[in-house]
């Protein structure tokens, strides 16, 4: 069977899908992925295990004569399905769209002797039906780990909308139960150098300059959010200008349609659009220049909110470098502003937050000049290097000291 593997074209910056030969070793793709990082994320695994045990135990106490059926969306290696089986679920329907991973999950399930209780289904949950894939049952408990650094980038909103309509009972429990996104305004010259190509001027050290071509689209907000470990920059290279503020909240145990706009696509009865918008008000606590907005999320793993899985930076959690769970599959992110904005201590600021099914974006202004603009598309005929060069490449191009050393060495 042939499959397609995504690769970034380094010349165009575009994602291209390359057809692999039938004998391609797809387990190589797994080894290159972040599955290993997830499996070694002790904090993540403990919190999921605690919440799964609690959800299934609560169901069995409330329904002593009923079996507990679980839907595991995006099972990956099958770890969460195994947790559900160990917690007492009668049947777990674990779906996985990537065939090599689904095959691996089946092997892992069999090795742990749970093949009679865990059914691995090689398809997206949005293509499943209870009659065809779940033995005619609907799930009492949903377990899912389909989150990226920006929370919704793997399609959790559309996935939950379909599950609520087709695969789960009305009084279901979800693990995690809810999520919140937090945002904080910051100043950072280093981060600014990672998002915008700056011209180089003549100095006393060099007799050359580098101009940015006029047909370059130098709008930093056209690029995706920059995912990174912001703890590594604090406090030297980041100045916080506001306290953190809740930007978005998603309740996975409540209908998606009750929390945001869900509309049909004209002419396509089976396609829906999902969107939401909020305006936040916050007061600056420091003088500075707003270069961007840091954001992160927190998962409420159980309905009571007793178990939390947080991606907050260390200055929020009050943690030292020695007790922070290191992970690369989830980090914090920064959304770069369309333009730098001077901020004064005590000044009221307005932050517009919008999202669709997969993306979150922000805009910020002082309350005296509130803007509801959303990022505009790249102009036709203009070249945007944002899609071709990653943030570290831009930072290197903006490193004047490095440029000076190269220039002088070549000149000699």
Foldseek 3Di string as FASTA:
>chain_A
DKDWDWDQDLVALDIDTDIDDPPDDCVVVVVPDQPVLVVPQVLVLVLLLVLLLVQLVVVCVVPVPDAAEEEEFQCQLVSSVVSNVVSRHQAYEYEHQDVVRLVNNCVVCVVVPNCVRYHYHHRGLLPDACVPRVVNDAGQEYEYDQQFQQGQQSQPLVSLQSSCVGHHDLQHQYFLFKKWKKKFFKDFPLLLLLQFFDKADDDPLDDDIGDDDPLEDGQRLQFAWAFDACLVCPPPGMDTFFDMDTDDMGGSSDNSVVRWPWADDPPDRVDIKTKHKDKDKTFTAAWDKGFWMKMGMKTQRGPVSPRIDTQDHCVVVVDDPVPDRDGDRYHITIRGERDIGTHHGGFMKMKMWMDMSRDIHIYIDGPVDDDPDDDDHDDPSGHYCSSNDGSVRSSVSNPVVVVSVVVVVVVD
